[in-house]
């Protein structure tokens, strides 16, 4: 364990567990936002592809 980690665990209340939990929650929340963004982008690309296919078929 690094000196910094030892100091943090000694100085912070509850051995740093509260901070660790807060960091974990923030990371999980940020990951959920990114996942939603990826789903939205995938959906938008699918819709655009379908529109393009319909346009091509209509032009024939």
Protein backbone atom coordinates (compact mmCIF):
# COMPACT_ATOMS: atom_id res chain seq x y z
CA UNK A 1 0.00 0.00 0.00
CA UNK A 2 1.32 3.42 -0.89
CA UNK A 3 2.07 6.06 1.68
CA UNK A 4 -0.70 8.26 0.27
CA UNK A 5 -3.27 5.47 0.59
CA UNK A 6 -2.17 4.81 4.17
CA UNK A 7 -2.48 8.49 5.08
CA UNK A 8 -5.89 8.79 3.43
CA UNK A 9 -7.22 5.71 5.19
CA UNK A 10 -5.87 6.98 8.52
CA UNK A 11 -7.05 10.59 8.22
CA UNK A 12 -10.47 10.13 6.66
CA UNK A 13 -13.37 9.04 8.84
CA UNK A 14 -14.48 5.42 8.48
CA UNK A 15 -11.16 4.49 6.91
CA UNK A 16 -12.09 6.17 3.64
CA UNK A 17 -15.08 3.92 3.01
CA UNK A 18 -17.45 6.83 2.58
CA UNK A 19 -15.20 8.41 -0.04
CA UNK A 20 -14.72 5.08 -1.79
CA UNK A 21 -18.47 4.51 -1.92
CA UNK A 22 -19.07 8.04 -3.22
CA UNK A 23 -16.44 7.54 -5.93
CA UNK A 24 -17.92 4.17 -6.87
CA UNK A 25 -21.42 5.66 -7.10
CA UNK A 26 -20.19 8.54 -9.25
CA UNK A 27 -18.37 6.13 -11.54
CA UNK A 28 -21.43 3.89 -11.87
CA UNK A 29 -23.65 6.87 -12.61
CA UNK A 30 -21.26 8.18 -15.24
CA UNK A 31 -21.13 4.73 -16.83
CA UNK A 32 -24.93 4.63 -17.00
CA UNK A 33 -24.97 8.02 -18.75
CA UNK A 34 -22.42 6.80 -21.29
CA UNK A 35 -24.38 3.60 -21.89
CA UNK A 36 -27.54 5.58 -22.55
CA UNK A 37 -25.66 7.80 -24.97
CA UNK A 38 -24.41 4.73 -26.84
CA UNK A 39 -27.93 3.28 -27.02
CA UNK A 40 -29.32 6.58 -28.28
CA UNK A 41 -26.57 6.83 -30.91
CA UNK A 42 -27.19 3.24 -32.03
CA UNK A 43 -30.91 3.94 -32.35
CA UNK A 44 -30.28 7.13 -34.33
CA UNK A 45 -27.94 5.31 -36.70
CA UNK A 46 -30.47 2.51 -37.22
CA UNK A 47 -33.22 5.04 -38.01
CA UNK A 48 -30.93 6.86 -40.45
CA UNK A 49 -30.05 3.59 -42.20
CA UNK A 50 -33.69 2.63 -42.49
CA UNK A 51 -34.58 6.05 -43.93
CA UNK A 52 -31.76 5.75 -46.44
CA UNK A 53 -32.98 2.30 -47.51
CA UNK A 54 -36.51 3.64 -47.98
CA UNK A 55 -35.19 6.57 -50.02
CA UNK A 56 -33.18 4.24 -52.26
CA UNK A 57 -36.18 1.91 -52.77
CA UNK A 58 -38.47 4.83 -53.58
CA UNK A 59 -36.03 6.14 -56.19
CA UNK A 60 -36.11 2.86 -58.15
